[in-house]
Protein backbone atom coordinates (compact mmCIF):
# COMPACT_ATOMS: atom_id res chain seq x y z
CA MET A 1 45.64 83.30 -6.69
CA PRO A 2 47.50 80.81 -4.44
CA PHE A 3 44.94 81.01 -1.61
CA LEU A 4 41.97 80.37 -3.89
CA ARG A 5 43.87 77.68 -5.78
CA SER A 6 44.55 75.95 -2.46
CA ILE A 7 40.82 75.98 -1.68
CA GLN A 8 40.08 74.51 -5.09
CA LYS A 9 42.62 71.74 -4.56
CA ARG A 10 41.32 70.87 -1.09
CA TYR A 11 37.72 70.67 -2.24
CA THR A 12 38.67 68.57 -5.25
CA THR A 13 40.77 66.20 -3.14
CA ALA A 14 38.02 65.79 -0.54
CA VAL A 15 35.37 65.07 -3.17
CA ALA A 16 37.71 62.68 -5.01
CA VAL A 17 38.30 60.73 -1.78
CA LEU A 18 34.56 60.52 -1.16
CA PHE A 19 34.01 59.37 -4.74
CA LEU A 20 36.74 56.76 -4.25
CA LEU A 21 35.10 55.42 -1.07
CA PHE A 22 31.65 55.27 -2.63
CA ALA A 23 33.07 53.75 -5.81
CA ALA A 24 34.91 51.09 -3.78
CA LEU A 25 31.82 50.19 -1.78
CA GLY A 26 29.66 50.24 -4.87
CA GLY A 27 32.18 48.19 -6.84
CA VAL A 28 32.40 45.49 -4.17
CA SER A 29 28.62 45.37 -3.87
CA LEU A 30 28.21 45.17 -7.64
CA ASP A 31 30.84 42.45 -7.92
CA LEU A 32 29.17 40.33 -5.24
CA ALA A 33 25.71 40.92 -6.70
CA ILE A 34 26.83 39.82 -10.18
CA ARG A 35 28.67 36.76 -8.85
CA TYR A 36 25.79 35.63 -6.67
CA GLY A 37 23.33 36.31 -9.46
CA VAL A 38 25.24 34.17 -11.95
CA GLU A 39 25.77 31.41 -9.40
CA ASP A 40 22.10 31.41 -8.41
CA ARG A 41 21.02 31.09 -12.02
CA VAL A 42 23.42 28.22 -12.75
CA LEU A 43 22.56 26.37 -9.54
CA PHE A 44 18.83 26.83 -10.15
CA ASP A 45 19.17 25.17 -13.55
CA ALA A 46 21.32 22.45 -11.96
CA GLU A 47 18.67 21.86 -9.32
CA GLN A 48 16.03 21.29 -11.99
CA VAL A 49 18.21 18.76 -13.82
CA ALA A 50 19.21 16.96 -10.60
CA ALA A 51 15.56 16.72 -9.53
CA LEU A 52 14.60 15.25 -12.93
CA TRP A 53 17.33 12.57 -12.80
CA SER A 54 16.58 11.77 -9.16
CA ALA A 55 12.88 11.28 -9.92
CA GLN A 56 13.66 8.86 -12.76
CA VAL A 57 16.03 6.86 -10.54
CA ARG A 58 13.35 6.59 -7.85
CA ASN A 59 10.98 5.22 -10.49
CA GLY A 60 13.43 2.39 -11.09
CA THR A 61 14.83 3.50 -14.41
CA LEU A 62 18.16 4.97 -15.44
CA PRO A 63 17.85 8.36 -17.18
CA THR A 64 19.30 7.14 -20.48
CA ALA A 65 16.92 9.38 -22.44
CA SER A 66 18.28 12.43 -20.71
CA VAL A 67 21.84 11.29 -21.27
CA SER A 68 21.44 11.02 -25.01
CA GLY A 69 19.45 14.24 -25.36
CA PRO A 70 20.33 17.87 -24.61
CA VAL A 71 20.80 18.88 -20.99
CA SER A 72 18.75 21.75 -19.55
CA GLY A 73 20.19 25.25 -20.00
CA SER A 74 23.89 25.58 -19.27
CA VAL A 75 24.02 22.41 -17.16
CA ASP A 76 26.20 19.93 -19.08
CA LEU A 77 27.82 17.93 -16.28
CA VAL A 78 25.47 15.31 -14.74
CA GLN A 79 26.45 12.09 -12.94
CA LEU A 80 24.65 9.39 -11.00
CA VAL A 81 27.05 8.09 -8.33
CA ASP A 82 26.27 5.10 -6.10
CA ALA A 83 27.08 4.77 -2.41
CA ARG A 84 30.51 3.27 -3.19
CA GLY A 85 31.53 6.31 -5.25
CA ARG A 86 31.15 4.63 -8.64
CA VAL A 87 29.70 6.61 -11.60
CA VAL A 88 26.61 4.64 -12.67
CA ASP A 89 25.48 7.00 -15.42
CA ALA A 90 26.59 10.37 -16.75
CA SER A 91 25.85 13.02 -19.35
CA PRO A 92 28.12 13.10 -22.43
CA ALA A 93 30.29 15.90 -21.02
CA ALA A 94 30.71 14.06 -17.70
CA THR A 95 31.30 10.57 -19.15
CA GLY A 96 34.74 9.19 -18.38
CA ARG A 97 35.35 11.65 -15.59
CA PRO A 98 35.79 10.74 -11.94
CA PRO A 99 32.90 11.59 -9.64
CA LEU A 100 32.18 15.32 -9.70
CA SER A 101 32.14 15.32 -5.89
CA THR A 102 32.75 12.97 -2.98
CA PHE A 103 30.27 14.82 -0.84
CA ARG A 104 27.07 12.91 0.01
CA PRO A 105 24.08 14.87 1.34
CA GLY A 106 22.59 13.50 4.54
CA PRO A 107 19.13 11.93 4.67
CA GLY A 108 17.73 15.00 6.41
CA ASN A 109 18.99 17.47 3.79
CA ARG A 110 19.00 15.61 0.51
CA LEU A 111 19.50 18.64 -1.80
CA GLN A 112 22.58 20.82 -1.32
CA ARG A 113 24.71 23.26 -3.29
CA ARG A 114 28.39 22.60 -3.82
CA VAL A 115 31.36 24.34 -5.37
CA GLU A 116 34.09 21.80 -6.20
CA CYS A 117 37.52 23.13 -7.14
CA GLY A 118 40.29 20.82 -8.30
CA PRO A 119 43.97 21.71 -8.74
CA GLY A 120 44.63 23.36 -12.12
CA GLU A 121 40.96 23.17 -13.14
CA ARG A 122 38.04 25.55 -13.17
CA CYS A 123 35.69 25.17 -10.26
CA VAL A 124 32.41 23.35 -10.83
CA LEU A 125 29.07 24.66 -9.54
CA LEU A 126 27.00 21.63 -8.48
CA MET A 127 23.69 20.59 -7.02
CA ALA A 128 23.97 17.32 -5.06
CA ASP A 129 20.60 15.49 -4.87
CA ARG A 130 20.38 12.32 -2.70
CA VAL A 131 17.86 10.09 -4.43
CA SER A 132 16.31 8.78 -1.17
CA THR A 133 16.90 8.50 2.56
CA ALA A 134 18.13 4.93 2.26
CA PRO A 135 21.69 4.39 3.56
CA ASP A 136 22.88 3.13 0.16
CA ALA A 137 20.96 5.70 -1.93
CA PRO A 138 22.85 7.06 -4.95
CA VAL A 139 23.46 10.78 -5.46
CA VAL A 140 22.80 12.83 -8.57
CA TYR A 141 25.34 15.58 -9.23
CA ALA A 142 24.32 18.21 -11.78
CA GLY A 143 26.17 21.38 -12.67
CA THR A 144 28.66 23.10 -14.94
CA SER A 145 32.11 24.59 -14.91
CA GLU A 146 32.31 28.05 -13.43
CA PRO A 147 31.58 30.69 -16.12
CA PRO A 148 34.67 32.64 -17.34
CA LEU A 149 33.25 35.82 -15.80
CA LEU A 150 33.49 34.20 -12.37
CA ALA A 151 36.53 32.01 -12.96
CA THR A 152 38.80 34.99 -13.73
CA HIS A 153 39.23 38.50 -12.34
CA ARG A 154 37.86 40.06 -15.50
CA LEU A 155 34.76 41.28 -13.68
CA GLU A 156 36.83 42.96 -10.96
CA TYR A 157 39.04 44.63 -13.57
CA LEU A 158 36.02 46.03 -15.40
CA ILE A 159 34.43 47.30 -12.19
CA ALA A 160 37.73 48.82 -11.03
CA ALA A 161 38.21 50.60 -14.37
CA ALA A 162 34.66 51.98 -14.20
CA ALA A 163 35.20 53.08 -10.58
CA LEU A 164 38.44 54.89 -11.45
CA LEU A 165 36.71 56.59 -14.36
CA VAL A 166 33.94 57.77 -12.03
CA VAL A 167 36.49 59.11 -9.54
CA LEU A 168 38.41 60.89 -12.30
CA LEU A 169 35.28 62.45 -13.78
CA GLY A 170 34.06 63.41 -10.31
CA GLY A 171 37.37 65.09 -9.53
CA LEU A 172 37.46 66.96 -12.84
CA LEU A 173 33.85 68.06 -12.43
CA THR A 174 34.54 69.27 -8.88
CA TRP A 175 37.64 71.14 -10.05
CA TRP A 176 35.60 72.83 -12.79
CA ILE A 177 32.66 73.70 -10.52
CA THR A 178 34.83 75.10 -7.74
CA GLY A 179 36.84 77.03 -10.31
CA ARG A 180 33.69 78.63 -11.70
CA THR A 181 32.42 79.31 -8.19
CA LEU A 182 35.66 80.93 -7.05
CA ARG A 183 36.27 82.87 -10.27
CA PRO A 184 34.17 85.90 -9.20
CA VAL A 185 35.95 85.87 -5.84
CA GLU A 186 39.31 85.77 -7.64
CA GLN A 187 38.24 88.76 -9.77
CA GLN A 188 37.33 90.67 -6.60
CA PHE A 189 40.69 89.77 -4.99
CA ARG A 190 42.57 91.00 -8.05
CA LEU A 191 40.44 94.12 -8.28
CA ALA A 192 41.02 94.89 -4.61
CA SER A 193 44.76 94.31 -4.99
CA ILE A 194 45.10 96.48 -8.09
CA THR A 195 42.81 99.16 -6.62
CA SER A 196 44.83 99.38 -3.41
CA HIS A 197 47.95 99.83 -5.53
CA GLU A 198 46.37 102.57 -7.65
CA LEU A 199 45.01 104.39 -4.60
CA ARG A 200 48.43 104.69 -3.00
CA THR A 201 49.62 107.45 -5.35
CA PRO A 202 46.77 109.96 -4.84
CA ILE A 203 46.58 109.17 -1.14
CA ALA A 204 50.33 109.68 -0.77
CA GLY A 205 50.12 112.93 -2.74
CA LEU A 206 47.23 114.17 -0.63
CA ARG A 207 49.10 113.32 2.57
CA VAL A 208 52.26 115.13 1.41
CA GLN A 209 50.31 118.27 0.50
CA LEU A 210 48.49 118.35 3.81
CA GLU A 211 51.67 117.67 5.81
CA GLU A 212 53.50 120.46 3.97
CA ALA A 213 50.66 122.87 4.71
CA LEU A 214 50.91 121.99 8.42
CA LEU A 215 54.70 121.90 8.71
CA TYR A 216 55.46 124.94 6.59
CA PRO A 217 52.49 127.28 6.93
CA ASP A 218 54.56 130.30 5.93
CA ASP A 219 55.83 128.73 2.71
CA VAL A 220 52.63 127.03 1.49
CA ALA A 221 49.71 129.13 0.30
CA PRO A 222 46.47 127.81 1.83
CA ARG A 223 44.54 128.13 -1.44
CA ASP A 224 47.20 126.15 -3.30
CA ALA A 225 47.17 123.45 -0.64
CA ILE A 226 43.39 123.21 -0.71
CA ARG A 227 43.35 123.20 -4.51
CA GLY A 228 45.91 120.38 -4.62
CA ALA A 229 44.02 118.42 -1.98
CA LEU A 230 40.79 118.80 -3.93
CA SER A 231 42.52 117.59 -7.08
CA ALA A 232 43.83 114.48 -5.31
CA THR A 233 40.43 113.93 -3.73
CA GLY A 234 38.80 114.18 -7.13
CA ARG A 235 41.10 111.47 -8.49
CA LEU A 236 40.33 109.27 -5.49
CA GLU A 237 36.61 109.80 -6.05
CA ALA A 238 36.93 108.92 -9.75
CA ILE A 239 38.84 105.71 -8.95
CA VAL A 240 36.31 104.66 -6.33
CA GLN A 241 33.37 105.33 -8.65
CA ASP A 242 34.97 103.36 -11.47
CA VAL A 243 35.84 100.49 -9.14
CA LEU A 244 32.24 100.36 -7.94
CA ALA A 245 31.07 100.35 -11.55
CA VAL A 246 33.40 97.45 -12.40
CA ALA A 247 32.30 95.50 -9.32
CA GLY A 248 28.64 96.05 -10.18
CA LEU A 249 29.09 94.86 -13.76
CA ARG A 250 31.12 91.81 -12.73
CA ALA A 251 28.50 90.94 -10.10
CA GLY A 252 25.83 90.92 -12.80
CA ARG A 253 23.61 93.48 -11.12
CA PRO A 254 20.57 94.00 -13.36
CA ALA A 255 19.99 97.39 -14.97
CA PRO A 256 16.66 98.48 -16.49
CA HIS A 257 16.62 98.03 -20.26
CA GLU A 258 14.61 99.95 -22.82
CA PRO A 259 14.52 100.58 -26.59
CA ILE A 260 17.24 103.11 -27.40
CA ASP A 261 17.88 105.08 -30.59
CA LEU A 262 21.65 104.70 -30.67
CA GLY A 263 22.17 107.54 -33.16
CA ALA A 264 20.20 109.95 -31.02
CA LEU A 265 22.09 108.86 -27.90
CA VAL A 266 25.45 109.51 -29.57
CA THR A 267 24.30 112.90 -30.86
CA GLU A 268 23.03 113.95 -27.44
CA GLU A 269 26.30 112.92 -25.78
CA VAL A 270 28.39 114.83 -28.33
CA GLU A 271 26.28 117.97 -27.89
CA ALA A 272 26.22 117.68 -24.10
CA HIS A 273 30.04 117.67 -23.91
CA PRO A 274 31.32 119.69 -26.86
CA GLY A 275 34.94 120.04 -25.76
CA ARG A 276 37.70 121.72 -27.76
CA THR A 277 38.18 118.82 -30.20
CA PRO A 278 35.54 118.77 -32.99
CA VAL A 279 33.50 115.59 -33.37
CA GLN A 280 31.70 114.63 -36.57
CA VAL A 281 28.79 112.21 -36.31
CA HIS A 282 27.66 110.24 -39.37
CA MET A 283 24.45 108.21 -39.08
CA THR A 284 22.93 105.80 -41.58
CA GLY A 285 19.25 105.23 -40.86
CA ASP A 286 17.75 104.72 -37.41
CA VAL A 287 19.69 102.23 -35.32
CA TRP A 288 17.78 100.84 -32.32
CA VAL A 289 19.06 98.59 -29.56
CA HIS A 290 17.61 97.26 -26.32
CA GLY A 291 19.72 98.10 -23.31
CA SER A 292 20.50 100.30 -20.33
CA ARG A 293 20.59 103.97 -21.31
CA VAL A 294 22.82 104.90 -18.37
CA GLN A 295 25.37 102.20 -19.19
CA LEU A 296 25.42 102.88 -22.95
CA VAL A 297 25.85 106.61 -22.28
CA ARG A 298 28.84 105.64 -20.14
CA VAL A 299 30.35 103.64 -23.03
CA VAL A 300 29.86 106.44 -25.57
CA SER A 301 31.19 109.03 -23.12
CA ASN A 302 34.30 106.92 -22.41
CA LEU A 303 34.99 106.35 -26.11
CA LEU A 304 34.53 110.05 -26.94
CA SER A 305 36.76 111.15 -24.05
CA ASN A 306 39.43 108.67 -25.07
CA ALA A 307 39.27 109.75 -28.73
CA ARG A 308 39.38 113.48 -27.90
CA ARG A 309 42.35 112.90 -25.61
CA HIS A 310 44.40 111.28 -28.38
CA ALA A 311 43.12 113.14 -31.47
CA ALA A 312 45.34 115.54 -33.39
CA THR A 313 42.61 117.60 -35.06
CA GLY A 314 39.26 115.83 -34.69
CA VAL A 315 37.13 112.75 -34.04
CA THR A 316 34.70 110.90 -36.32
CA VAL A 317 31.79 108.81 -35.07
CA ARG A 318 29.83 106.57 -37.43
CA VAL A 319 26.57 104.93 -36.38
CA GLY A 320 25.02 102.24 -38.58
CA SER A 321 24.13 98.58 -38.78
CA ALA A 322 25.65 95.49 -40.38
CA ASP A 323 24.91 91.76 -40.19
CA GLY A 324 22.09 92.21 -37.69
CA GLN A 325 24.20 94.32 -35.34
CA ALA A 326 24.25 97.98 -34.42
CA VAL A 327 27.70 99.45 -35.03
CA VAL A 328 29.25 102.54 -33.44
CA ALA A 329 32.77 103.33 -34.68
CA VAL A 330 34.74 106.10 -32.91
CA THR A 331 37.90 107.12 -34.77
CA ASP A 332 40.52 109.73 -33.89
CA ASP A 333 43.35 111.02 -36.05
CA GLY A 334 46.07 110.64 -33.45
CA ASN A 335 49.03 108.28 -33.28
CA GLY A 336 46.89 105.14 -32.98
CA ILE A 337 47.42 102.02 -30.90
CA ALA A 338 50.05 99.39 -31.69
CA PRO A 339 48.55 95.97 -32.58
CA ALA A 340 50.29 94.44 -29.56
CA ASP A 341 48.46 96.83 -27.23
CA ARG A 342 44.96 96.58 -28.73
CA GLU A 343 43.78 94.07 -26.14
CA ARG A 344 45.91 95.35 -23.29
CA VAL A 345 44.18 98.75 -23.29
CA PHE A 346 41.00 97.01 -22.04
CA ASP A 347 42.73 95.65 -18.92
CA ARG A 348 41.85 97.36 -15.66
CA PHE A 349 44.16 100.23 -14.65
CA THR A 350 46.13 99.87 -17.89
CA ARG A 351 47.30 103.20 -19.30
CA LEU A 352 49.75 103.49 -22.15
CA ASP A 353 52.58 106.00 -21.97
CA GLU A 354 50.87 108.46 -24.33
CA GLY A 355 47.67 108.29 -22.30
CA ARG A 356 49.55 109.12 -19.10
CA ARG A 357 51.28 112.00 -20.84
CA ARG A 358 48.06 113.49 -22.21
CA ASP A 359 45.94 112.92 -19.06
CA ALA A 360 47.74 112.22 -15.81
CA GLY A 361 44.47 112.14 -13.86
CA GLY A 362 42.82 109.23 -15.64
CA THR A 363 41.87 106.10 -13.72
CA GLY A 364 42.68 103.53 -16.40
CA LEU A 365 39.27 101.91 -15.94
CA GLY A 366 37.19 103.60 -18.63
CA LEU A 367 37.84 101.13 -21.45
CA ALA A 368 37.60 98.13 -19.10
CA ILE A 369 34.19 99.35 -17.92
CA SER A 370 33.10 99.98 -21.51
CA ARG A 371 33.98 96.46 -22.60
CA ASP A 372 32.18 94.97 -19.57
CA ILE A 373 29.07 96.98 -20.48
CA ALA A 374 29.28 95.79 -24.08
CA ARG A 375 29.52 92.17 -22.93
CA ALA A 376 26.61 92.69 -20.52
CA HIS A 377 24.57 93.74 -23.59
CA ARG A 378 25.70 90.64 -25.53
CA GLY A 379 27.92 92.80 -27.69
CA THR A 380 31.62 93.45 -28.32
CA LEU A 381 34.06 96.33 -28.08
CA ARG A 382 37.42 96.11 -29.78
CA VAL A 383 40.10 98.14 -31.54
CA GLU A 384 40.05 97.65 -35.30
CA ASP A 385 42.28 98.72 -38.18
CA SER A 386 42.19 102.35 -39.24
CA PRO A 387 44.19 104.30 -41.86
CA ARG A 388 45.13 106.78 -39.17
CA GLY A 389 44.70 106.98 -35.43
CA ALA A 390 42.72 104.55 -33.27
CA ARG A 391 39.31 103.11 -34.21
CA PHE A 392 37.15 101.70 -31.41
CA VAL A 393 34.14 99.71 -32.68
CA LEU A 394 31.14 98.90 -30.48
CA ARG A 395 28.77 96.22 -31.77
CA LEU A 396 25.42 95.44 -30.12
CA PRO A 397 22.50 93.19 -31.11
CA LEU A 398 20.23 95.18 -33.41
CA MET A 399 16.65 95.49 -32.21
CA ARG A 400 14.07 93.98 -34.57
CA ARG A 401 11.76 96.53 -36.16
CA ASN A 402 8.59 94.79 -34.95
CA ALA A 403 9.93 95.07 -31.38
CA ILE A 404 10.61 98.80 -31.62
CA GLY A 405 6.95 99.69 -31.41
CA GLY A 406 6.56 103.40 -31.95
CA ALA A 407 10.10 103.95 -33.18
CA PRO A 408 10.36 106.00 -36.37
CA SER A 409 11.01 104.27 -39.66
CA ALA A 410 14.41 104.32 -41.29
CA SER A 411 15.29 107.60 -42.94
CA GLU A 412 17.81 108.76 -45.43
CA PRO A 413 21.43 108.90 -44.30
CA ARG A 414 21.99 112.00 -42.20
CA GLU A 415 25.14 113.72 -40.97
CA LYS A 416 25.76 115.89 -37.95
CA SER A 417 28.91 117.61 -36.82
């Protein structure tokens, strides 16, 4: 419905915006944390190398051994620069290059971090170590070119892609959750809308009958008016009861369950409401299920009433089991149901033309309620192929024999009509 869809959109948009804000803040924080972490690691290694070279220079020797050997960790650029800015010694990767930096640490702060960026070149992360406090003391520069992860925007692109993915997933998840949350409300809105439409006809008929009895007391027999009003009231009562039953099933209200002999239940229901249309019951063995007796009686009663209403000469009910399921098949010998209408007959307030002709007082909720009860029992109810007429088949999980307790053992096939 548009109103509920609008609520779903607003909630999804609000959550997506919140996800976007948190993702942006988190992305920036993650980017800075990674950058500072990489820089700290590189500069720490550079500090160790600069301290080693500076110590050797203070001892009066040039660090030729270090120049010819491998440089610590990722630090490959090392230079010893005198007070005039001349490169006195350098590592292999820094040989032949101009001084890595023109910055000279002061005597009071001899060890400092530097980031030197030249035009068209990658920045260099450096540690500048002044060898001593003397005015003409040389400076050791140790460092390396900025890692590709920091030199480009690759890190930002990866974080942005991850953030967008989080926002998208958050929005989709919110849309799904709100949809599931609002779905029962949407069912109730639709049920209320359809119910109000269905109630208009009997209410209008009741009003007309009562108004005629008041306006034309000489022309309308009181007993006829009361009889018509009672008939309309009965239809209103039936609709209300069925609507309450549908609402209760859709709300998932629990019903007490017990072991039920399905064959006996069908037989009792047939005998309790004999009717003018004969019903033959065929049972194969004892078929037990676990469920609500009141609700399953409602299903069997609805199926029998529907079959009797459309039968030409009689109805056949078969109770058995197959593939671990209890099966109740109710078949009439009427005109049947077109394949295109086999699912539509289970919609609420749906009545085919023949059904309206045979029973104008029906509510159109019986089959919908029956299918809801079947689903509540983890079963199915559908219309299946039949040589003649309509065949409604109810399937329910078959109760295991060791769970039946005192239930009788399976007997020979028996038939009752």
